[in-house]
């Protein structure tokens, strides 16, 4: 398996886990709308942590990993 194929496989697994977390978040919010703040905080912490890891790993490896995610591409999702 090539390095590119390994990256794809890991991202597929990550997407599967994220789909599960999204489904659980949606069902939790549907059952308990009062949990919106808590669920929102969890997702905010997760996304912040992920972007922080991208920055840190880029600095450690001297590769601008943030260039993978140009700002305009991210902004269209938020």
Protein backbone atom coordinates (compact mmCIF):
# COMPACT_ATOMS: atom_id res chain seq x y z
CA UNK A 1 0.00 0.00 0.00
CA UNK A 2 1.42 3.39 -0.99
CA UNK A 3 1.68 6.29 1.43
CA UNK A 4 -1.12 8.08 -0.45
CA UNK A 5 -3.35 5.02 -0.10
CA UNK A 6 -2.59 4.89 3.63
CA UNK A 7 -3.61 8.54 4.01
CA UNK A 8 -6.85 7.84 2.13
CA UNK A 9 -7.62 4.82 4.30
CA UNK A 10 -7.04 6.74 7.53
CA UNK A 11 -9.21 9.62 6.32
CA UNK A 12 -11.98 7.19 5.39
CA UNK A 13 -11.85 5.72 8.88
CA UNK A 14 -11.84 9.21 10.40
CA UNK A 15 -14.86 10.17 8.27
CA UNK A 16 -16.72 7.09 9.48
CA UNK A 17 -16.07 8.09 13.09
CA UNK A 18 -17.09 11.68 12.38
CA UNK A 19 -20.32 10.48 10.75
CA UNK A 20 -21.10 8.47 13.89
CA UNK A 21 -20.38 11.48 16.11
CA UNK A 22 -22.58 13.70 13.92
CA UNK A 23 -25.43 11.18 14.02
CA UNK A 24 -25.16 10.92 17.80
CA UNK A 25 -25.01 14.71 18.10
CA UNK A 26 -28.12 15.11 15.95
CA UNK A 27 -30.10 12.48 17.82
CA UNK A 28 -29.01 13.92 21.18
CA UNK A 29 -30.11 17.42 20.13
CA UNK A 30 -33.42 16.08 18.84
CA UNK A 31 -34.11 14.27 22.12
CA UNK A 32 -32.74 17.03 24.35
CA UNK A 33 -32.60 20.50 22.78
CA UNK A 34 -31.12 21.81 26.04
CA UNK A 35 -27.90 19.92 25.25
CA UNK A 36 -27.16 22.31 22.36
CA UNK A 37 -24.58 24.30 24.31
CA UNK A 38 -22.77 21.19 25.55
CA UNK A 39 -22.73 19.49 22.13
CA UNK A 40 -21.62 22.75 20.50
CA UNK A 41 -18.77 23.08 22.98
CA UNK A 42 -17.61 19.53 22.27
CA UNK A 43 -17.54 20.16 18.51
CA UNK A 44 -15.84 23.53 18.94
CA UNK A 45 -13.12 21.95 21.08
CA UNK A 46 -12.68 19.11 18.60
CA UNK A 47 -12.36 21.39 15.57
CA UNK A 48 -10.01 23.75 17.40
CA UNK A 49 -7.88 20.84 18.56
CA UNK A 50 -7.73 19.40 15.05
CA UNK A 51 -6.63 22.68 13.49
CA UNK A 52 -4.10 23.14 16.29
CA UNK A 53 -2.67 19.70 15.56
CA UNK A 54 -2.38 20.55 11.87
CA UNK A 55 -0.40 23.68 12.75
CA UNK A 56 1.80 21.88 15.28
CA UNK A 57 2.54 18.93 13.01
CA UNK A 58 3.38 21.33 10.19
CA UNK A 59 5.87 23.19 12.37
CA UNK A 60 7.42 19.93 13.59
CA UNK A 61 7.87 18.61 10.06
CA UNK A 62 8.73 21.95 8.42
CA UNK A 63 5.83 21.45 6.00
CA UNK A 64 3.07 24.01 5.69
CA UNK A 65 0.16 21.64 6.29
CA UNK A 66 -2.19 24.61 6.58
CA UNK A 67 -1.71 25.10 2.84
CA UNK A 68 -3.76 21.90 2.40
CA UNK A 69 -6.72 23.86 3.75
CA UNK A 70 -6.75 27.22 1.99
CA UNK A 71 -8.90 29.66 3.95
CA UNK A 72 -11.41 30.19 1.18
CA UNK A 73 -12.14 26.48 1.02
CA UNK A 74 -12.77 26.24 4.75
CA UNK A 75 -14.87 29.38 4.92
CA UNK A 76 -17.43 28.03 2.47
CA UNK A 77 -18.24 25.29 4.99
CA UNK A 78 -18.68 27.58 8.01
